Amino acid sequence: MTKLDKPLKRELKVKKISYVLTIDPDRFKLTKKGRRKGIEIAWKDLVSGDAAMAVALRASVKSV
């Protein structure tokens, strides 16, 4: 296995919209291409199960 020691970026399309997925040793982040803000989830939250709760909380705050 190759260790993840620096950020890795990949482009992907979902429903014809381009996104950038950045994976680094602490977290992963999904943003629309050309933007800086996006969804960010720490690996420790994902492993502990807190990720779903964190994403739902962020979505509810953005809709207000």
PDB file of N, CA and C in Angstrom:
ATOM      1  N   MET A   1       0.822  -1.187   0.000  1.00  0.00           N
ATOM      2  CA  MET A   1       0.000   0.000   0.000  1.00  0.00           C
ATOM      3  C   MET A   1       0.870   1.256   0.000  1.00  0.00           C
ATOM      4  N   THR A   2       0.392   2.275  -0.662  1.00  0.00           N
ATOM      5  CA  THR A   2       1.067   3.563  -0.665  1.00  0.00           C
ATOM      6  C   THR A   2       0.479   4.431   0.434  1.00  0.00           C
ATOM      7  N   LYS A   3       1.331   4.991   1.276  1.00  0.00           N
ATOM      8  CA  LYS A   3       0.861   5.862   2.348  1.00  0.00           C
ATOM      9  C   LYS A   3       0.394   7.187   1.770  1.00  0.00           C
ATOM     10  N   LEU A   4      -0.632   7.736   2.390  1.00  0.00           N
ATOM     11  CA  LEU A   4      -1.148   9.037   1.999  1.00  0.00           C
ATOM     12  C   LEU A   4      -0.455  10.083   2.857  1.00  0.00           C
ATOM     13  N   ASP A   5       0.530  10.766   2.290  1.00  0.00           N
ATOM     14  CA  ASP A   5       1.303  11.724   3.081  1.00  0.00           C
ATOM     15  C   ASP A   5       1.185  13.152   2.559  1.00  0.00           C
ATOM     16  N   LYS A   6       0.479  13.343   1.437  1.00  0.00           N
ATOM     17  CA  LYS A   6       0.244  14.686   0.907  1.00  0.00           C
ATOM     18  C   LYS A   6      -1.110  14.676   0.201  1.00  0.00           C
ATOM     19  N   PRO A   7      -1.707  15.847  -0.005  1.00  0.00           N
ATOM     20  CA  PRO A   7      -3.032  15.894  -0.640  1.00  0.00           C
ATOM     21  C   PRO A   7      -3.043  15.296  -2.038  1.00  0.00           C
ATOM     22  N   LEU A   8      -4.137  14.630  -2.343  1.00  0.00           N
ATOM     23  CA  LEU A   8      -4.360  14.010  -3.639  1.00  0.00           C
ATOM     24  C   LEU A   8      -5.665  14.586  -4.187  1.00  0.00           C
ATOM     25  N   LYS A   9      -5.640  15.173  -5.372  1.00  0.00           N
ATOM     26  CA  LYS A   9      -6.826  15.795  -5.957  1.00  0.00           C
ATOM     27  C   LYS A   9      -7.244  15.056  -7.215  1.00  0.00           C
ATOM     28  N   ARG A  10      -8.558  14.866  -7.344  1.00  0.00           N
ATOM     29  CA  ARG A  10      -9.120  14.229  -8.525  1.00  0.00           C
ATOM     30  C   ARG A  10     -10.405  14.946  -8.911  1.00  0.00           C
ATOM     31  N   GLU A  11     -10.651  15.047 -10.206  1.00  0.00           N
ATOM     32  CA  GLU A  11     -11.880  15.654 -10.708  1.00  0.00           C
ATOM     33  C   GLU A  11     -12.894  14.557 -10.997  1.00  0.00           C
ATOM     34  N   LEU A  12     -14.161  14.833 -10.703  1.00  0.00           N
ATOM     35  CA  LEU A  12     -15.219  13.895 -11.034  1.00  0.00           C
ATOM     36  C   LEU A  12     -16.472  14.660 -11.414  1.00  0.00           C
ATOM     37  N   LYS A  13     -17.367  14.005 -12.145  1.00  0.00           N
ATOM     38  CA  LYS A  13     -18.619  14.630 -12.558  1.00  0.00           C
ATOM     39  C   LYS A  13     -19.786  13.869 -11.958  1.00  0.00           C
ATOM     40  N   VAL A  14     -20.743  14.640 -11.432  1.00  0.00           N
ATOM     41  CA  VAL A  14     -21.984  14.087 -10.906  1.00  0.00           C
ATOM     42  C   VAL A  14     -23.104  14.897 -11.533  1.00  0.00           C
ATOM     43  N   LYS A  15     -23.961  14.242 -12.303  1.00  0.00           N
ATOM     44  CA  LYS A  15     -25.060  14.911 -12.993  1.00  0.00           C
ATOM     45  C   LYS A  15     -24.568  16.115 -13.803  1.00  0.00           C
ATOM     46  N   LYS A  16     -23.513  15.922 -14.561  1.00  0.00           N
ATOM     47  CA  LYS A  16     -22.927  16.932 -15.457  1.00  0.00           C
ATOM     48  C   LYS A  16     -22.301  18.130 -14.733  1.00  0.00           C
ATOM     49  N   ILE A  17     -22.115  18.053 -13.429  1.00  0.00           N
ATOM     50  CA  ILE A  17     -21.457  19.117 -12.664  1.00  0.00           C
ATOM     51  C   ILE A  17     -20.086  18.604 -12.247  1.00  0.00           C
ATOM     52  N   SER A  18     -19.040  19.399 -12.498  1.00  0.00           N
ATOM     53  CA  SER A  18     -17.671  19.000 -12.161  1.00  0.00           C
ATOM     54  C   SER A  18     -17.364  19.326 -10.702  1.00  0.00           C
ATOM     55  N   TYR A  19     -16.752  18.381 -10.019  1.00  0.00           N
ATOM     56  CA  TYR A  19     -16.337  18.532  -8.633  1.00  0.00           C
ATOM     57  C   TYR A  19     -14.863  18.177  -8.511  1.00  0.00           C
ATOM     58  N   VAL A  20     -14.235  18.653  -7.440  1.00  0.00           N
ATOM     59  CA  VAL A  20     -12.866  18.281  -7.120  1.00  0.00           C
ATOM     60  C   VAL A  20     -12.891  17.580  -5.769  1.00  0.00           C
ATOM     61  N   LEU A  21     -12.352  16.373  -5.733  1.00  0.00           N
ATOM     62  CA  LEU A  21     -12.240  15.607  -4.498  1.00  0.00           C
ATOM     63  C   LEU A  21     -10.794  15.693  -4.035  1.00  0.00           C
ATOM     64  N   THR A  22     -10.588  16.232  -2.840  1.00  0.00           N
ATOM     65  CA  THR A  22      -9.249  16.339  -2.264  1.00  0.00           C
ATOM     66  C   THR A  22      -9.172  15.396  -1.078  1.00  0.00           C
ATOM     67  N   ILE A  23      -8.217  14.491  -1.137  1.00  0.00           N
ATOM     68  CA  ILE A  23      -8.007  13.530  -0.053  1.00  0.00           C
ATOM     69  C   ILE A  23      -6.654  13.825   0.561  1.00  0.00           C
ATOM     70  N   ASP A  24      -6.633  14.037   1.878  1.00  0.00           N
ATOM     71  CA  ASP A  24      -5.353  14.232   2.559  1.00  0.00           C
ATOM     72  C   ASP A  24      -5.340  13.376   3.827  1.00  0.00           C
ATOM     73  N   PRO A  25      -4.236  13.323   4.545  1.00  0.00           N
ATOM     74  CA  PRO A  25      -4.137  12.420   5.695  1.00  0.00           C
ATOM     75  C   PRO A  25      -5.166  12.686   6.807  1.00  0.00           C
ATOM     76  N   ASP A  26      -5.721  13.892   6.896  1.00  0.00           N
ATOM     77  CA  ASP A  26      -6.650  14.221   7.972  1.00  0.00           C
ATOM     78  C   ASP A  26      -8.114  14.170   7.571  1.00  0.00           C
ATOM     79  N   ARG A  27      -8.414  14.431   6.294  1.00  0.00           N
ATOM     80  CA  ARG A  27      -9.811  14.568   5.885  1.00  0.00           C
ATOM     81  C   ARG A  27      -9.959  14.429   4.385  1.00  0.00           C
ATOM     82  N   PHE A  28     -11.213  14.434   3.929  1.00  0.00           N
ATOM     83  CA  PHE A  28     -11.451  14.579   2.501  1.00  0.00           C
ATOM     84  C   PHE A  28     -12.452  15.707   2.300  1.00  0.00           C
ATOM     85  N   LYS A  29     -12.368  16.355   1.139  1.00  0.00           N
ATOM     86  CA  LYS A  29     -13.175  17.524   0.856  1.00  0.00           C
ATOM     87  C   LYS A  29     -13.692  17.432  -0.571  1.00  0.00           C
ATOM     88  N   LEU A  30     -14.975  17.719  -0.739  1.00  0.00           N
ATOM     89  CA  LEU A  30     -15.597  17.713  -2.056  1.00  0.00           C
ATOM     90  C   LEU A  30     -16.125  19.112  -2.330  1.00  0.00           C
ATOM     91  N   THR A  31     -15.639  19.738  -3.417  1.00  0.00           N
ATOM     92  CA  THR A  31     -16.053  21.095  -3.772  1.00  0.00           C
ATOM     93  C   THR A  31     -16.416  21.145  -5.244  1.00  0.00           C
ATOM     94  N   LYS A  32     -17.288  22.098  -5.590  1.00  0.00           N
ATOM     95  CA  LYS A  32     -17.556  22.329  -7.003  1.00  0.00           C
ATOM     96  C   LYS A  32     -16.279  22.880  -7.617  1.00  0.00           C
ATOM     97  N   LYS A  33     -16.022  22.488  -8.845  1.00  0.00           N
ATOM     98  CA  LYS A  33     -14.801  22.920  -9.517  1.00  0.00           C
ATOM     99  C   LYS A  33     -14.779  24.447  -9.616  1.00  0.00           C
ATOM    100  N   GLY A  34     -13.655  25.042  -9.231  1.00  0.00           N
ATOM    101  CA  GLY A  34     -13.506  26.488  -9.261  1.00  0.00           C
ATOM    102  C   GLY A  34     -13.933  27.178  -7.975  1.00  0.00           C
ATOM    103  N   ARG A  35     -14.400  26.406  -6.999  1.00  0.00           N
ATOM    104  CA  ARG A  35     -14.832  26.970  -5.726  1.00  0.00           C
ATOM    105  C   ARG A  35     -13.880  26.532  -4.619  1.00  0.00           C
ATOM    106  N   ARG A  36     -13.951  27.208  -3.475  1.00  0.00           N
ATOM    107  CA  ARG A  36     -13.093  26.850  -2.345  1.00  0.00           C
ATOM    108  C   ARG A  36     -13.855  26.141  -1.238  1.00  0.00           C
ATOM    109  N   LYS A  37     -15.119  26.524  -1.073  1.00  0.00           N
ATOM    110  CA  LYS A  37     -15.915  25.931   0.001  1.00  0.00           C
ATOM    111  C   LYS A  37     -16.631  24.698  -0.496  1.00  0.00           C
ATOM    112  N   GLY A  38     -16.737  23.712   0.385  1.00  0.00           N
ATOM    113  CA  GLY A  38     -17.423  22.486   0.028  1.00  0.00           C
ATOM    114  C   GLY A  38     -17.673  21.657   1.270  1.00  0.00           C
ATOM    115  N   ILE A  39     -17.969  20.397   1.053  1.00  0.00           N
ATOM    116  CA  ILE A  39     -18.207  19.471   2.155  1.00  0.00           C
ATOM    117  C   ILE A  39     -16.873  18.885   2.578  1.00  0.00           C
ATOM    118  N   GLU A  40     -16.597  18.944   3.866  1.00  0.00           N
ATOM    119  CA  GLU A  40     -15.328  18.461   4.397  1.00  0.00           C
ATOM    120  C   GLU A  40     -15.622  17.510   5.559  1.00  0.00           C
ATOM    121  N   ILE A  41     -15.041  16.316   5.522  1.00  0.00           N
ATOM    122  CA  ILE A  41     -15.269  15.324   6.575  1.00  0.00           C
ATOM    123  C   ILE A  41     -13.929  14.763   7.028  1.00  0.00           C
ATOM    124  N   ALA A  42     -13.704  14.812   8.334  1.00  0.00           N
ATOM    125  CA  ALA A  42     -12.472  14.262   8.905  1.00  0.00           C
ATOM    126  C   ALA A  42     -12.576  12.739   8.936  1.00  0.00           C
ATOM    127  N   TRP A  43     -11.453  12.081   8.720  1.00  0.00           N
ATOM    128  CA  TRP A  43     -11.430  10.614   8.742  1.00  0.00           C
ATOM    129  C   TRP A  43     -11.891  10.068  10.089  1.00  0.00           C
ATOM    130  N   LYS A  44     -11.507  10.743  11.186  1.00  0.00           N
ATOM    131  CA  LYS A  44     -11.896  10.249  12.519  1.00  0.00           C
ATOM    132  C   LYS A  44     -13.403  10.301  12.697  1.00  0.00           C
ATOM    133  N   ASP A  45     -14.075  11.297  12.102  1.00  0.00           N
ATOM    134  CA  ASP A  45     -15.534  11.373  12.175  1.00  0.00           C
ATOM    135  C   ASP A  45     -16.186  10.279  11.345  1.00  0.00           C
ATOM    136  N   LEU A  46     -15.604  10.003  10.197  1.00  0.00           N
ATOM    137  CA  LEU A  46     -16.127   8.952   9.329  1.00  0.00           C
ATOM    138  C   LEU A  46     -16.023   7.593  10.013  1.00  0.00           C
ATOM    139  N   VAL A  47     -14.901   7.322  10.625  1.00  0.00           N
ATOM    140  CA  VAL A  47     -14.676   6.033  11.284  1.00  0.00           C
ATOM    141  C   VAL A  47     -15.572   5.876  12.511  1.00  0.00           C
ATOM    142  N   SER A  48     -15.779   6.966  13.261  1.00  0.00           N
ATOM    143  CA  SER A  48     -16.572   6.879  14.490  1.00  0.00           C
ATOM    144  C   SER A  48     -18.075   6.902  14.226  1.00  0.00           C
ATOM    145  N   GLY A  49     -18.484   7.238  12.990  1.00  0.00           N
ATOM    146  CA  GLY A  49     -19.898   7.287  12.674  1.00  0.00           C
ATOM    147  C   GLY A  49     -20.489   8.671  12.831  1.00  0.00           C
ATOM    148  N   ASP A  50     -19.690   9.653  13.227  1.00  0.00           N
ATOM    149  CA  ASP A  50     -20.183  11.012  13.419  1.00  0.00           C
ATOM    150  C   ASP A  50     -20.319  11.779  12.105  1.00  0.00           C
ATOM    151  N   ALA A  51     -19.834  11.231  11.015  1.00  0.00           N
ATOM    152  CA  ALA A  51     -19.824  11.947   9.737  1.00  0.00           C
ATOM    153  C   ALA A  51     -21.234  12.246   9.245  1.00  0.00           C
ATOM    154  N   ALA A  52     -22.134  11.284   9.336  1.00  0.00           N
ATOM    155  CA  ALA A  52     -23.503  11.500   8.855  1.00  0.00           C
ATOM    156  C   ALA A  52     -24.183  12.604   9.648  1.00  0.00           C
ATOM    157  N   MET A  53     -23.954  12.623  10.941  1.00  0.00           N
ATOM    158  CA  MET A  53     -24.543  13.653  11.776  1.00  0.00           C
ATOM    159  C   MET A  53     -23.955  15.024  11.433  1.00  0.00           C
ATOM    160  N   ALA A  54     -22.656  15.090  11.202  1.00  0.00           N
ATOM    161  CA  ALA A  54     -21.998  16.354  10.868  1.00  0.00           C
ATOM    162  C   ALA A  54     -22.497  16.896   9.534  1.00  0.00           C
ATOM    163  N   VAL A  55     -22.653  16.048   8.547  1.00  0.00           N
ATOM    164  CA  VAL A  55     -23.141  16.478   7.230  1.00  0.00           C
ATOM    165  C   VAL A  55     -24.581  16.964   7.341  1.00  0.00           C
ATOM    166  N   ALA A  56     -25.411  16.249   8.083  1.00  0.00           N
ATOM    167  CA  ALA A  56     -26.808  16.663   8.252  1.00  0.00           C
ATOM    168  C   ALA A  56     -26.899  18.005   8.969  1.00  0.00           C
ATOM    169  N   LEU A  57     -26.060  18.223   9.949  1.00  0.00           N
ATOM    170  CA  LEU A  57     -26.057  19.487  10.689  1.00  0.00           C
ATOM    171  C   LEU A  57     -25.638  20.634   9.778  1.00  0.00           C
ATOM    172  N   ARG A  58     -24.594  20.439   8.979  1.00  0.00           N
ATOM    173  CA  ARG A  58     -24.156  21.483   8.054  1.00  0.00           C
ATOM    174  C   ARG A  58     -25.236  21.812   7.030  1.00  0.00           C
ATOM    175  N   ALA A  59     -25.939  20.783   6.535  1.00  0.00           N
ATOM    176  CA  ALA A  59     -26.995  21.001   5.556  1.00  0.00           C
ATOM    177  C   ALA A  59     -28.146  21.785   6.164  1.00  0.00           C
ATOM    178  N   SER A  60     -28.474  21.508   7.415  1.00  0.00           N
ATOM    179  CA  SER A  60     -29.576  22.233   8.049  1.00  0.00           C
ATOM    180  C   SER A  60     -29.196  23.682   8.317  1.00  0.00           C
ATOM    181  N   VAL A  61     -27.940  23.956   8.620  1.00  0.00           N
ATOM    182  CA  VAL A  61     -27.491  25.322   8.869  1.00  0.00           C
ATOM    183  C   VAL A  61     -27.489  26.111   7.562  1.00  0.00           C
ATOM    184  N   LYS A  62     -27.072  25.484   6.449  1.00  0.00           N
ATOM    185  CA  LYS A  62     -27.027  26.173   5.157  1.00  0.00           C
ATOM    186  C   LYS A  62     -28.415  26.519   4.645  1.00  0.00           C
ATOM    187  N   SER A  63     -29.413  25.723   4.997  1.00  0.00           N
ATOM    188  CA  SER A  63     -30.765  25.967   4.486  1.00  0.00           C
ATOM    189  C   SER A  63     -31.476  27.083   5.242  1.00  0.00           C
ATOM    190  N   VAL A  64     -30.936  27.539   6.353  1.00  0.00           N
ATOM    191  CA  VAL A  64     -31.564  28.600   7.154  1.00  0.00           C
ATOM    192  C   VAL A  64     -31.281  29.958   6.586  1.00  0.00           C
TER     193      VAL A  64
END
